[in-house]
């Protein structure tokens, strides 16, 4: 029995040696395992929400450099005219208040207000019949409703000329008044003016009195 027991013991020791030399090394207690490098997050897909597209951003719109057209100035248009005067004494026919183009009035007249402008004459291709103007030196409105032979002739040479009605008097005083109001050269006249400009109403010549230019 001793010999059998010894053989069993030797066989057990031989098997233990095989296991000891061929098996994996025992784990060391208390030693942390080496940390694996962190995984890189996947590149965002172009279809994912909030993903930035690969294309370059579009350029910002540049402001337009083209100049804008100015708005039309309110209050009429200032033009230069040769300004003369006439009345019943030198009308055609003389002594009459006849006009060529009845517009606001059937005869020459008016008080110089916007609602009742005084008659003036010119070539109707220069200013259409019914055109209102404002003459600041006399603070009065006038309306185109008569013809003027000299104005017609001047306009063929494109020389602007208007003739303002001075009044229905037939004495020599109205002719002197017309001459005193006339100036050489041209004067500024507001064509198609607004209706709220200052006015001194009344005829330019009445009962021996002549209006004064401002």
Protein backbone atom coordinates (compact mmCIF):
# COMPACT_ATOMS: atom_id res chain seq x y z
CA UNK A 1 0.00 0.00 0.00
CA UNK A 2 2.85 2.30 0.68
CA UNK A 3 4.12 1.92 -2.84
CA UNK A 4 0.65 2.59 -4.33
CA UNK A 5 0.16 5.64 -2.18
CA UNK A 6 3.52 6.99 -3.22
CA UNK A 7 2.71 6.51 -6.90
CA UNK A 8 -0.55 8.39 -6.52
CA UNK A 9 1.20 11.24 -4.73
CA UNK A 10 3.86 11.55 -7.44
CA UNK A 11 1.23 11.58 -10.16
CA UNK A 12 -0.67 14.37 -8.40
CA UNK A 13 2.49 16.46 -8.04
CA UNK A 14 3.29 16.04 -11.75
CA UNK A 15 -0.15 17.30 -12.73
CA UNK A 16 0.14 20.33 -10.40
CA UNK A 17 3.46 21.29 -12.01
CA UNK A 18 1.87 21.19 -15.47
CA UNK A 19 -0.97 23.42 -14.35
CA UNK A 20 1.41 25.87 -12.62
CA UNK A 21 3.73 26.39 -15.63
CA UNK A 22 1.12 26.39 -18.40
CA UNK A 23 -1.72 28.45 -16.91
CA UNK A 24 -2.21 32.17 -17.04
CA UNK A 25 -0.50 34.32 -14.41
CA UNK A 26 -2.61 35.02 -11.43
CA UNK A 27 -4.30 38.37 -11.26
CA UNK A 28 -2.72 40.95 -8.98
CA UNK A 29 -5.21 42.09 -6.42
CA UNK A 30 -5.49 45.78 -5.84
CA UNK A 31 -3.93 46.76 -9.23
CA UNK A 32 -6.25 48.64 -11.58
CA UNK A 33 -6.48 47.43 -15.10
CA UNK A 34 -4.86 49.69 -17.68
CA UNK A 35 -7.53 52.10 -18.95
CA UNK A 36 -8.36 51.84 -22.62
CA UNK A 37 -8.10 55.11 -24.60
CA UNK A 38 -11.50 56.81 -24.90
CA UNK A 39 -13.34 56.13 -28.10
CA UNK A 40 -13.57 59.07 -30.51
CA UNK A 41 -17.15 60.19 -31.16
CA UNK A 42 -18.37 59.52 -34.68
CA UNK A 43 -18.31 62.42 -37.12
CA UNK A 44 -21.76 64.03 -37.30
CA UNK A 45 -23.77 63.13 -40.33
CA UNK A 46 -25.00 65.91 -42.58
CA UNK A 47 -28.50 64.61 -41.95
CA UNK A 48 -28.19 64.86 -38.17
CA UNK A 49 -29.99 67.74 -36.46
CA UNK A 50 -27.73 70.69 -35.75
CA UNK A 51 -24.97 69.38 -38.02
CA UNK A 52 -22.90 72.03 -39.79
CA UNK A 53 -22.98 71.55 -43.58
CA UNK A 54 -19.65 71.09 -45.27
CA UNK A 55 -20.31 73.83 -47.84
CA UNK A 56 -18.83 77.29 -47.20
CA UNK A 57 -21.32 79.88 -45.84
CA UNK A 58 -23.00 82.15 -48.38
CA UNK A 59 -21.74 85.72 -48.66
CA UNK A 60 -23.72 88.48 -46.94
CA UNK A 61 -25.75 90.65 -49.33
CA UNK A 62 -24.11 94.00 -50.06
CA UNK A 63 -26.14 97.20 -49.89
CA UNK A 64 -27.06 98.68 -53.24
CA UNK A 65 -24.78 101.47 -54.36
CA UNK A 66 -27.14 102.84 -57.01
CA UNK A 67 -28.43 106.33 -56.05
CA UNK A 68 -32.10 106.61 -55.26
CA UNK A 69 -34.18 109.06 -57.18
CA UNK A 70 -35.17 112.08 -55.16
CA UNK A 71 -38.79 112.54 -54.55
CA UNK A 72 -40.49 115.32 -56.37
CA UNK A 73 -40.36 118.54 -54.42
CA UNK A 74 -43.83 119.48 -53.04
CA UNK A 75 -45.29 122.95 -53.48
CA UNK A 76 -45.07 123.50 -57.22
CA UNK A 77 -42.21 124.23 -59.58
CA UNK A 78 -40.32 127.51 -59.77
CA UNK A 79 -39.70 128.81 -63.29
CA UNK A 80 -38.34 132.07 -64.68
CA UNK A 81 -40.54 134.22 -66.94
CA UNK A 82 -40.57 137.65 -68.44
CA UNK A 83 -43.52 139.16 -66.51
CA UNK A 84 -45.57 141.99 -68.02
CA UNK A 85 -49.01 143.44 -67.26
CA UNK A 86 -52.14 144.44 -69.15
CA UNK A 87 -55.63 145.70 -68.33
CA UNK A 88 -58.86 146.76 -69.97
CA UNK A 89 -57.19 149.93 -71.31
CA UNK A 90 -54.75 147.96 -73.49
CA UNK A 91 -56.74 144.78 -73.98
CA UNK A 92 -57.96 143.54 -77.36
CA UNK A 93 -60.46 144.98 -78.05
CA UNK A 94 -59.49 148.08 -76.00
CA UNK A 95 -61.67 148.85 -72.98
CA UNK A 96 -62.93 145.28 -72.73
CA UNK A 97 -62.43 142.37 -70.35
CA UNK A 98 -62.64 139.77 -73.10
CA UNK A 99 -60.51 136.63 -72.71
CA UNK A 100 -59.61 133.92 -75.21
CA UNK A 101 -60.06 130.84 -73.01
CA UNK A 102 -62.83 130.92 -70.41
CA UNK A 103 -61.63 128.89 -67.45
CA UNK A 104 -62.33 130.10 -63.93
CA UNK A 105 -63.91 133.30 -65.28
CA UNK A 106 -65.92 134.30 -68.34
CA UNK A 107 -64.19 137.69 -68.34
CA UNK A 108 -60.80 138.83 -67.12
CA UNK A 109 -60.75 139.43 -63.37
CA UNK A 110 -60.21 137.70 -60.04
CA UNK A 111 -59.15 138.69 -56.54
CA UNK A 112 -55.81 136.87 -56.50
CA UNK A 113 -56.77 134.10 -54.05
CA UNK A 114 -56.43 130.38 -54.72
CA UNK A 115 -60.21 130.02 -55.13
CA UNK A 116 -60.50 133.17 -57.27
CA UNK A 117 -57.17 133.61 -59.07
CA UNK A 118 -56.59 136.63 -61.29
CA UNK A 119 -56.45 136.17 -65.07
CA UNK A 120 -53.14 135.91 -66.89
CA UNK A 121 -52.26 135.39 -70.56
CA UNK A 122 -49.56 133.44 -72.40
CA UNK A 123 -49.08 131.01 -75.26
CA UNK A 124 -51.25 127.98 -74.46
CA UNK A 125 -48.50 125.61 -75.60
CA UNK A 126 -46.24 127.18 -72.98
CA UNK A 127 -48.70 126.76 -70.10
CA UNK A 128 -52.02 124.93 -70.57
CA UNK A 129 -55.33 126.73 -70.10
CA UNK A 130 -56.37 126.58 -66.45
CA UNK A 131 -52.81 126.44 -65.09
CA UNK A 132 -52.46 128.25 -61.76
CA UNK A 133 -49.34 130.19 -60.86
CA UNK A 134 -48.26 132.20 -57.82
CA UNK A 135 -46.28 135.43 -58.13
CA UNK A 136 -44.64 136.08 -54.77
CA UNK A 137 -43.67 139.76 -55.38
CA UNK A 138 -47.41 140.55 -55.59
CA UNK A 139 -48.63 137.79 -53.22
CA UNK A 140 -51.33 136.69 -55.63
CA UNK A 141 -52.48 133.62 -57.55
CA UNK A 142 -53.19 133.83 -61.28
CA UNK A 143 -54.85 131.45 -63.75
CA UNK A 144 -54.10 130.99 -67.45
CA UNK A 145 -57.22 131.97 -69.46
CA UNK A 146 -56.14 134.48 -72.12
CA UNK A 147 -53.86 134.83 -75.12
CA UNK A 148 -50.99 137.28 -75.53
CA UNK A 149 -49.57 138.14 -78.97
CA UNK A 150 -46.12 139.09 -77.66
CA UNK A 151 -46.06 135.94 -75.49
CA UNK A 152 -46.85 133.83 -78.55
CA UNK A 153 -44.01 135.43 -80.49
CA UNK A 154 -41.53 135.01 -77.63
CA UNK A 155 -42.45 131.37 -77.16
CA UNK A 156 -41.56 130.56 -80.77
CA UNK A 157 -38.01 131.41 -79.61
CA UNK A 158 -38.58 129.51 -76.34
CA UNK A 159 -38.47 132.72 -74.31
CA UNK A 160 -40.95 132.28 -71.41
CA UNK A 161 -43.34 135.25 -71.12
CA UNK A 162 -46.56 135.76 -69.14
CA UNK A 163 -48.89 138.82 -69.05
CA UNK A 164 -50.77 139.44 -65.77
CA UNK A 165 -54.16 141.15 -65.59
CA UNK A 166 -53.91 144.46 -63.72
CA UNK A 167 -57.59 145.51 -63.63
CA UNK A 168 -60.67 146.71 -65.45
CA UNK A 169 -59.83 150.43 -65.34
CA UNK A 170 -59.47 152.33 -68.61
CA UNK A 171 -57.71 155.49 -67.42
CA UNK A 172 -54.08 156.34 -68.03
CA UNK A 173 -53.22 155.49 -64.42
CA UNK A 174 -53.51 151.76 -65.04
CA UNK A 175 -50.93 151.96 -67.84
CA UNK A 176 -48.52 153.76 -65.51
CA UNK A 177 -49.21 151.10 -62.87
CA UNK A 178 -48.42 148.32 -65.35
CA UNK A 179 -45.14 150.00 -66.25
CA UNK A 180 -44.17 150.45 -62.59
CA UNK A 181 -44.74 146.74 -61.84
CA UNK A 182 -42.76 145.51 -64.87
CA UNK A 183 -39.10 144.58 -64.37
CA UNK A 184 -36.39 143.99 -66.93
CA UNK A 185 -35.24 140.42 -67.37
CA UNK A 186 -37.00 137.45 -65.85
CA UNK A 187 -38.68 136.82 -62.50
CA UNK A 188 -39.32 133.61 -60.56
CA UNK A 189 -42.89 132.31 -60.82
CA UNK A 190 -44.29 129.27 -58.99
CA UNK A 191 -46.20 127.01 -61.40
CA UNK A 192 -48.90 124.70 -59.95
CA UNK A 193 -48.41 126.10 -56.44
CA UNK A 194 -49.99 124.84 -53.21
CA UNK A 195 -53.19 126.60 -52.12
CA UNK A 196 -51.97 127.93 -48.77
CA UNK A 197 -49.51 130.67 -49.71
CA UNK A 198 -49.88 134.21 -48.32
CA UNK A 199 -52.22 136.45 -50.34
CA UNK A 200 -52.95 140.17 -50.61
CA UNK A 201 -56.32 140.02 -52.41
CA UNK A 202 -57.69 142.58 -54.81
CA UNK A 203 -56.97 144.01 -58.26
CA UNK A 204 -53.50 145.31 -58.97
CA UNK A 205 -54.91 148.68 -59.96
CA UNK A 206 -58.13 150.05 -58.53
CA UNK A 207 -59.49 153.58 -58.03
CA UNK A 208 -56.16 155.20 -58.82
CA UNK A 209 -54.13 152.96 -56.48
CA UNK A 210 -51.44 150.60 -57.74
CA UNK A 211 -50.22 147.53 -55.90
CA UNK A 212 -46.63 147.41 -54.76
CA UNK A 213 -44.16 144.63 -55.34
CA UNK A 214 -42.85 142.99 -52.19
